[in-house]
């Protein structure tokens, strides 16, 4: 691949937050009011680079499922 953008960025803080709050990808999908998939949530936790739109969907779903008010900086290290 000649593209300089790294796609696999390693485990992200969202994975720790989900574990800490005992949340599964399905919990975020169920809490989402947008079109969020299990695959998006799993990729976010594993460290695959997501588009800003997908990041915002995951953020909104996590805030809804956890009752907290996280920001993108809390969830992603890129």
PDB file of N, CA and C in Angstrom:
ATOM      1  N   UNK A   1       0.851  -1.166   0.000  1.00  0.00           N
ATOM      2  CA  UNK A   1       0.000   0.000   0.000  1.00  0.00           C
ATOM      3  C   UNK A   1       0.899   1.232   0.000  1.00  0.00           C
ATOM      4  N   UNK A   2       0.678   2.126  -0.937  1.00  0.00           N
ATOM      5  CA  UNK A   2       1.510   3.314  -1.045  1.00  0.00           C
ATOM      6  C   UNK A   2       0.955   4.491  -0.260  1.00  0.00           C
ATOM      7  N   UNK A   3      -0.262   4.378   0.204  1.00  0.00           N
ATOM      8  CA  UNK A   3      -0.875   5.445   0.989  1.00  0.00           C
ATOM      9  C   UNK A   3      -0.163   5.583   2.328  1.00  0.00           C
ATOM     10  N   UNK A   4       0.150   6.796   2.730  1.00  0.00           N
ATOM     11  CA  UNK A   4       0.887   7.045   3.973  1.00  0.00           C
ATOM     12  C   UNK A   4       0.003   6.975   5.220  1.00  0.00           C
ATOM     13  N   UNK A   5      -1.310   6.919   5.057  1.00  0.00           N
ATOM     14  CA  UNK A   5      -2.230   6.884   6.182  1.00  0.00           C
ATOM     15  C   UNK A   5      -2.227   5.493   6.812  1.00  0.00           C
ATOM     16  N   UNK A   6      -1.914   5.454   8.083  1.00  0.00           N
ATOM     17  CA  UNK A   6      -1.944   4.195   8.831  1.00  0.00           C
ATOM     18  C   UNK A   6      -3.397   3.880   9.173  1.00  0.00           C
ATOM     19  N   UNK A   7      -3.839   2.649   8.862  1.00  0.00           N
ATOM     20  CA  UNK A   7      -5.230   2.282   9.111  1.00  0.00           C
ATOM     21  C   UNK A   7      -5.415   1.542  10.433  1.00  0.00           C
ATOM     22  N   UNK A   8      -4.435   0.753  10.829  1.00  0.00           N
ATOM     23  CA  UNK A   8      -4.543  -0.001  12.069  1.00  0.00           C
ATOM     24  C   UNK A   8      -3.722   0.704  13.144  1.00  0.00           C
ATOM     25  N   UNK A   9      -4.399   1.317  14.098  1.00  0.00           N
ATOM     26  CA  UNK A   9      -3.746   2.175  15.080  1.00  0.00           C
ATOM     27  C   UNK A   9      -3.663   1.563  16.472  1.00  0.00           C
ATOM     28  N   UNK A  10      -3.968   0.293  16.605  1.00  0.00           N
ATOM     29  CA  UNK A  10      -3.888  -0.366  17.899  1.00  0.00           C
ATOM     30  C   UNK A  10      -5.103  -0.067  18.767  1.00  0.00           C
ATOM     31  N   UNK A  11      -5.207  -0.744  19.893  1.00  0.00           N
ATOM     32  CA  UNK A  11      -6.362  -0.556  20.784  1.00  0.00           C
ATOM     33  C   UNK A  11      -6.565   0.915  21.151  1.00  0.00           C
ATOM     34  N   UNK A  12      -7.800   1.316  21.142  1.00  0.00           N
ATOM     35  CA  UNK A  12      -8.164   2.699  21.419  1.00  0.00           C
ATOM     36  C   UNK A  12      -8.807   2.820  22.803  1.00  0.00           C
ATOM     37  N   UNK A  13      -8.813   4.020  23.375  1.00  0.00           N
ATOM     38  CA  UNK A  13      -9.416   4.225  24.698  1.00  0.00           C
ATOM     39  C   UNK A  13     -10.886   3.799  24.792  1.00  0.00           C
ATOM     40  N   UNK A  14     -11.601   3.824  23.677  1.00  0.00           N
ATOM     41  CA  UNK A  14     -13.006   3.424  23.718  1.00  0.00           C
ATOM     42  C   UNK A  14     -13.153   1.976  24.176  1.00  0.00           C
ATOM     43  N   UNK A  15     -12.213   1.127  23.816  1.00  0.00           N
ATOM     44  CA  UNK A  15     -12.265  -0.267  24.251  1.00  0.00           C
ATOM     45  C   UNK A  15     -12.205  -0.384  25.764  1.00  0.00           C
ATOM     46  N   UNK A  16     -11.329   0.396  26.390  1.00  0.00           N
ATOM     47  CA  UNK A  16     -11.231   0.397  27.847  1.00  0.00           C
ATOM     48  C   UNK A  16     -12.470   0.957  28.511  1.00  0.00           C
ATOM     49  N   UNK A  17     -13.023   2.003  27.916  1.00  0.00           N
ATOM     50  CA  UNK A  17     -14.242   2.609  28.466  1.00  0.00           C
ATOM     51  C   UNK A  17     -15.396   1.617  28.404  1.00  0.00           C
ATOM     52  N   UNK A  18     -15.511   0.925  27.271  1.00  0.00           N
ATOM     53  CA  UNK A  18     -16.595  -0.056  27.137  1.00  0.00           C
ATOM     54  C   UNK A  18     -16.422  -1.200  28.142  1.00  0.00           C
ATOM     55  N   UNK A  19     -15.196  -1.667  28.335  1.00  0.00           N
ATOM     56  CA  UNK A  19     -14.935  -2.737  29.305  1.00  0.00           C
ATOM     57  C   UNK A  19     -15.239  -2.263  30.720  1.00  0.00           C
ATOM     58  N   UNK A  20     -14.795  -1.060  31.029  1.00  0.00           N
ATOM     59  CA  UNK A  20     -15.006  -0.474  32.361  1.00  0.00           C
ATOM     60  C   UNK A  20     -16.494  -0.335  32.682  1.00  0.00           C
ATOM     61  N   UNK A  21     -17.282   0.021  31.699  1.00  0.00           N
ATOM     62  CA  UNK A  21     -18.727   0.215  31.894  1.00  0.00           C
ATOM     63  C   UNK A  21     -19.530  -1.039  31.573  1.00  0.00           C
ATOM     64  N   UNK A  22     -18.816  -2.133  31.259  1.00  0.00           N
ATOM     65  CA  UNK A  22     -19.448  -3.422  30.937  1.00  0.00           C
ATOM     66  C   UNK A  22     -20.416  -3.303  29.757  1.00  0.00           C
ATOM     67  N   UNK A  23     -19.982  -2.601  28.723  1.00  0.00           N
ATOM     68  CA  UNK A  23     -20.792  -2.420  27.521  1.00  0.00           C
ATOM     69  C   UNK A  23     -20.241  -3.273  26.383  1.00  0.00           C
ATOM     70  N   UNK A  24     -21.120  -3.872  25.630  1.00  0.00           N
ATOM     71  CA  UNK A  24     -20.770  -4.653  24.444  1.00  0.00           C
ATOM     72  C   UNK A  24     -21.129  -3.832  23.202  1.00  0.00           C
ATOM     73  N   UNK A  25     -20.570  -4.182  22.046  1.00  0.00           N
ATOM     74  CA  UNK A  25     -20.944  -3.457  20.821  1.00  0.00           C
ATOM     75  C   UNK A  25     -22.461  -3.404  20.605  1.00  0.00           C
ATOM     76  N   UNK A  26     -23.152  -4.467  20.955  1.00  0.00           N
ATOM     77  CA  UNK A  26     -24.607  -4.480  20.772  1.00  0.00           C
ATOM     78  C   UNK A  26     -25.297  -3.410  21.611  1.00  0.00           C
ATOM     79  N   UNK A  27     -24.781  -3.134  22.796  1.00  0.00           N
ATOM     80  CA  UNK A  27     -25.374  -2.106  23.656  1.00  0.00           C
ATOM     81  C   UNK A  27     -25.317  -0.736  22.981  1.00  0.00           C
ATOM     82  N   UNK A  28     -24.206  -0.451  22.313  1.00  0.00           N
ATOM     83  CA  UNK A  28     -24.072   0.829  21.615  1.00  0.00           C
ATOM     84  C   UNK A  28     -24.989   0.883  20.401  1.00  0.00           C
ATOM     85  N   UNK A  29     -25.064  -0.221  19.657  1.00  0.00           N
ATOM     86  CA  UNK A  29     -25.940  -0.264  18.482  1.00  0.00           C
ATOM     87  C   UNK A  29     -27.393  -0.078  18.906  1.00  0.00           C
ATOM     88  N   UNK A  30     -27.791  -0.720  19.990  1.00  0.00           N
ATOM     89  CA  UNK A  30     -29.172  -0.606  20.476  1.00  0.00           C
ATOM     90  C   UNK A  30     -29.474   0.803  20.972  1.00  0.00           C
ATOM     91  N   UNK A  31     -28.491   1.485  21.545  1.00  0.00           N
ATOM     92  CA  UNK A  31     -28.699   2.833  22.088  1.00  0.00           C
ATOM     93  C   UNK A  31     -28.640   3.909  21.009  1.00  0.00           C
ATOM     94  N   UNK A  32     -28.123   3.564  19.848  1.00  0.00           N
ATOM     95  CA  UNK A  32     -27.924   4.550  18.787  1.00  0.00           C
ATOM     96  C   UNK A  32     -29.234   4.913  18.098  1.00  0.00           C
ATOM     97  N   UNK A  33     -29.364   6.197  17.781  1.00  0.00           N
ATOM     98  CA  UNK A  33     -30.513   6.657  16.991  1.00  0.00           C
ATOM     99  C   UNK A  33     -30.105   6.850  15.533  1.00  0.00           C
ATOM    100  N   UNK A  34     -28.827   6.603  15.249  1.00  0.00           N
ATOM    101  CA  UNK A  34     -28.301   6.736  13.893  1.00  0.00           C
ATOM    102  C   UNK A  34     -28.019   5.344  13.341  1.00  0.00           C
ATOM    103  N   UNK A  35     -27.586   5.281  12.100  1.00  0.00           N
ATOM    104  CA  UNK A  35     -27.275   3.991  11.499  1.00  0.00           C
ATOM    105  C   UNK A  35     -25.876   3.560  11.923  1.00  0.00           C
ATOM    106  N   UNK A  36     -25.798   2.892  13.052  1.00  0.00           N
ATOM    107  CA  UNK A  36     -24.540   2.395  13.599  1.00  0.00           C
ATOM    108  C   UNK A  36     -24.567   0.876  13.532  1.00  0.00           C
ATOM    109  N   UNK A  37     -23.446   0.281  13.110  1.00  0.00           N
ATOM    110  CA  UNK A  37     -23.382  -1.168  12.997  1.00  0.00           C
ATOM    111  C   UNK A  37     -22.433  -1.740  14.037  1.00  0.00           C
ATOM    112  N   UNK A  38     -22.594  -3.030  14.302  1.00  0.00           N
ATOM    113  CA  UNK A  38     -21.696  -3.732  15.213  1.00  0.00           C
ATOM    114  C   UNK A  38     -20.259  -3.657  14.685  1.00  0.00           C
ATOM    115  N   UNK A  39     -20.128  -3.727  13.377  1.00  0.00           N
ATOM    116  CA  UNK A  39     -18.809  -3.693  12.752  1.00  0.00           C
ATOM    117  C   UNK A  39     -18.103  -2.358  13.009  1.00  0.00           C
ATOM    118  N   UNK A  40     -18.841  -1.251  12.948  1.00  0.00           N
ATOM    119  CA  UNK A  40     -18.253   0.063  13.233  1.00  0.00           C
ATOM    120  C   UNK A  40     -17.725   0.126  14.660  1.00  0.00           C
ATOM    121  N   UNK A  41     -18.507  -0.371  15.598  1.00  0.00           N
ATOM    122  CA  UNK A  41     -18.118  -0.322  17.009  1.00  0.00           C
ATOM    123  C   UNK A  41     -16.903  -1.220  17.247  1.00  0.00           C
ATOM    124  N   UNK A  42     -16.911  -2.403  16.669  1.00  0.00           N
ATOM    125  CA  UNK A  42     -15.781  -3.314  16.830  1.00  0.00           C
ATOM    126  C   UNK A  42     -14.508  -2.741  16.229  1.00  0.00           C
ATOM    127  N   UNK A  43     -14.627  -2.134  15.067  1.00  0.00           N
ATOM    128  CA  UNK A  43     -13.463  -1.520  14.433  1.00  0.00           C
ATOM    129  C   UNK A  43     -12.937  -0.350  15.259  1.00  0.00           C
ATOM    130  N   UNK A  44     -13.841   0.411  15.854  1.00  0.00           N
ATOM    131  CA  UNK A  44     -13.420   1.539  16.693  1.00  0.00           C
ATOM    132  C   UNK A  44     -12.601   1.045  17.880  1.00  0.00           C
ATOM    133  N   UNK A  45     -13.050  -0.010  18.535  1.00  0.00           N
ATOM    134  CA  UNK A  45     -12.361  -0.527  19.714  1.00  0.00           C
ATOM    135  C   UNK A  45     -11.023  -1.165  19.358  1.00  0.00           C
ATOM    136  N   UNK A  46     -10.954  -1.806  18.190  1.00  0.00           N
ATOM    137  CA  UNK A  46      -9.719  -2.474  17.780  1.00  0.00           C
ATOM    138  C   UNK A  46      -8.673  -1.510  17.250  1.00  0.00           C
ATOM    139  N   UNK A  47      -9.091  -0.317  16.876  1.00  0.00           N
ATOM    140  CA  UNK A  47      -8.118   0.667  16.428  1.00  0.00           C
ATOM    141  C   UNK A  47      -8.063   0.894  14.935  1.00  0.00           C
ATOM    142  N   UNK A  48      -9.054   0.439  14.211  1.00  0.00           N
ATOM    143  CA  UNK A  48      -9.108   0.751  12.789  1.00  0.00           C
ATOM    144  C   UNK A  48      -9.533   2.208  12.645  1.00  0.00           C
ATOM    145  N   UNK A  49      -8.909   2.926  11.741  1.00  0.00           N
ATOM    146  CA  UNK A  49      -9.234   4.340  11.542  1.00  0.00           C
ATOM    147  C   UNK A  49     -10.656   4.449  10.982  1.00  0.00           C
ATOM    148  N   UNK A  50     -11.475   5.264  11.628  1.00  0.00           N
ATOM    149  CA  UNK A  50     -12.849   5.504  11.189  1.00  0.00           C
ATOM    150  C   UNK A  50     -12.965   6.915  10.632  1.00  0.00           C
ATOM    151  N   UNK A  51     -13.949   7.107   9.766  1.00  0.00           N
ATOM    152  CA  UNK A  51     -14.236   8.457   9.284  1.00  0.00           C
ATOM    153  C   UNK A  51     -14.795   9.272  10.443  1.00  0.00           C
ATOM    154  N   UNK A  52     -14.780  10.574  10.300  1.00  0.00           N
ATOM    155  CA  UNK A  52     -15.302  11.436  11.365  1.00  0.00           C
ATOM    156  C   UNK A  52     -16.785  11.169  11.596  1.00  0.00           C
ATOM    157  N   UNK A  53     -17.525  10.862  10.529  1.00  0.00           N
ATOM    158  CA  UNK A  53     -18.956  10.566  10.690  1.00  0.00           C
ATOM    159  C   UNK A  53     -19.167   9.305  11.526  1.00  0.00           C
ATOM    160  N   UNK A  54     -18.377   8.275  11.255  1.00  0.00           N
ATOM    161  CA  UNK A  54     -18.495   7.033  12.032  1.00  0.00           C
ATOM    162  C   UNK A  54     -18.067   7.270  13.478  1.00  0.00           C
ATOM    163  N   UNK A  55     -17.014   8.064  13.685  1.00  0.00           N
ATOM    164  CA  UNK A  55     -16.578   8.387  15.041  1.00  0.00           C
ATOM    165  C   UNK A  55     -17.685   9.080  15.819  1.00  0.00           C
ATOM    166  N   UNK A  56     -18.362  10.018  15.177  1.00  0.00           N
ATOM    167  CA  UNK A  56     -19.445  10.746  15.847  1.00  0.00           C
ATOM    168  C   UNK A  56     -20.616   9.830  16.176  1.00  0.00           C
ATOM    169  N   UNK A  57     -20.921   8.888  15.297  1.00  0.00           N
ATOM    170  CA  UNK A  57     -21.992   7.930  15.576  1.00  0.00           C
ATOM    171  C   UNK A  57     -21.650   7.079  16.795  1.00  0.00           C
ATOM    172  N   UNK A  58     -20.399   6.617  16.860  1.00  0.00           N
ATOM    173  CA  UNK A  58     -19.956   5.814  17.997  1.00  0.00           C
ATOM    174  C   UNK A  58     -19.990   6.657  19.272  1.00  0.00           C
ATOM    175  N   UNK A  59     -19.520   7.882  19.186  1.00  0.00           N
ATOM    176  CA  UNK A  59     -19.527   8.790  20.338  1.00  0.00           C
ATOM    177  C   UNK A  59     -20.938   9.009  20.863  1.00  0.00           C
ATOM    178  N   UNK A  60     -21.865   9.337  19.980  1.00  0.00           N
ATOM    179  CA  UNK A  60     -23.251   9.585  20.392  1.00  0.00           C
ATOM    180  C   UNK A  60     -23.880   8.347  21.021  1.00  0.00           C
ATOM    181  N   UNK A  61     -23.589   7.181  20.451  1.00  0.00           N
ATOM    182  CA  UNK A  61     -24.146   5.938  20.989  1.00  0.00           C
ATOM    183  C   UNK A  61     -23.551   5.630  22.360  1.00  0.00           C
ATOM    184  N   UNK A  62     -22.247   5.838  22.522  1.00  0.00           N
ATOM    185  CA  UNK A  62     -21.617   5.583  23.820  1.00  0.00           C
ATOM    186  C   UNK A  62     -22.169   6.527  24.878  1.00  0.00           C
ATOM    187  N   UNK A  63     -22.345   7.787  24.542  1.00  0.00           N
ATOM    188  CA  UNK A  63     -22.916   8.744  25.493  1.00  0.00           C
ATOM    189  C   UNK A  63     -24.330   8.343  25.889  1.00  0.00           C
ATOM    190  N   UNK A  64     -25.113   7.879  24.921  1.00  0.00           N
ATOM    191  CA  UNK A  64     -26.483   7.459  25.211  1.00  0.00           C
ATOM    192  C   UNK A  64     -26.506   6.194  26.071  1.00  0.00           C
ATOM    193  N   UNK A  65     -25.641   5.233  25.757  1.00  0.00           N
ATOM    194  CA  UNK A  65     -25.641   3.954  26.470  1.00  0.00           C
ATOM    195  C   UNK A  65     -25.076   4.087  27.885  1.00  0.00           C
ATOM    196  N   UNK A  66     -24.097   4.976  28.071  1.00  0.00           N
ATOM    197  CA  UNK A  66     -23.434   5.074  29.371  1.00  0.00           C
ATOM    198  C   UNK A  66     -24.008   6.165  30.270  1.00  0.00           C
ATOM    199  N   UNK A  67     -24.725   7.115  29.674  1.00  0.00           N
ATOM    200  CA  UNK A  67     -25.238   8.232  30.463  1.00  0.00           C
ATOM    201  C   UNK A  67     -24.175   9.259  30.791  1.00  0.00           C
ATOM    202  N   UNK A  68     -23.021   9.152  30.180  1.00  0.00           N
ATOM    203  CA  UNK A  68     -21.910  10.081  30.396  1.00  0.00           C
ATOM    204  C   UNK A  68     -21.834  11.063  29.233  1.00  0.00           C
ATOM    205  N   UNK A  69     -20.881  11.983  29.303  1.00  0.00           N
ATOM    206  CA  UNK A  69     -20.696  12.963  28.242  1.00  0.00           C
ATOM    207  C   UNK A  69     -19.233  12.949  27.795  1.00  0.00           C
ATOM    208  N   UNK A  70     -18.865  11.940  27.012  1.00  0.00           N
ATOM    209  CA  UNK A  70     -17.506  11.803  26.496  1.00  0.00           C
ATOM    210  C   UNK A  70     -17.313  12.693  25.276  1.00  0.00           C
ATOM    211  N   UNK A  71     -16.050  12.958  24.937  1.00  0.00           N
ATOM    212  CA  UNK A  71     -15.719  13.676  23.703  1.00  0.00           C
ATOM    213  C   UNK A  71     -14.904  12.744  22.816  1.00  0.00           C
ATOM    214  N   UNK A  72     -14.684  13.136  21.570  1.00  0.00           N
ATOM    215  CA  UNK A  72     -13.902  12.310  20.655  1.00  0.00           C
ATOM    216  C   UNK A  72     -12.490  12.075  21.185  1.00  0.00           C
ATOM    217  N   UNK A  73     -11.919  13.069  21.853  1.00  0.00           N
ATOM    218  CA  UNK A  73     -10.569  12.921  22.405  1.00  0.00           C
ATOM    219  C   UNK A  73     -10.517  11.852  23.489  1.00  0.00           C
ATOM    220  N   UNK A  74     -11.631  11.609  24.171  1.00  0.00           N
ATOM    221  CA  UNK A  74     -11.692  10.579  25.199  1.00  0.00           C
ATOM    222  C   UNK A  74     -11.706   9.174  24.592  1.00  0.00           C
ATOM    223  N   UNK A  75     -12.212   9.062  23.357  1.00  0.00           N
ATOM    224  CA  UNK A  75     -12.420   7.752  22.751  1.00  0.00           C
ATOM    225  C   UNK A  75     -11.327   7.313  21.795  1.00  0.00           C
ATOM    226  N   UNK A  76     -10.731   8.270  21.098  1.00  0.00           N
ATOM    227  CA  UNK A  76      -9.785   7.942  20.035  1.00  0.00           C
ATOM    228  C   UNK A  76      -8.465   8.672  20.250  1.00  0.00           C
ATOM    229  N   UNK A  77      -7.359   7.986  20.001  1.00  0.00           N
ATOM    230  CA  UNK A  77      -6.050   8.592  20.188  1.00  0.00           C
ATOM    231  C   UNK A  77      -5.451   9.084  18.880  1.00  0.00           C
ATOM    232  N   UNK A  78      -6.249   9.166  17.830  1.00  0.00           N
ATOM    233  CA  UNK A  78      -5.750   9.676  16.551  1.00  0.00           C
ATOM    234  C   UNK A  78      -6.529  10.880  16.103  1.00  0.00           C
TER     235      UNK A  78
END
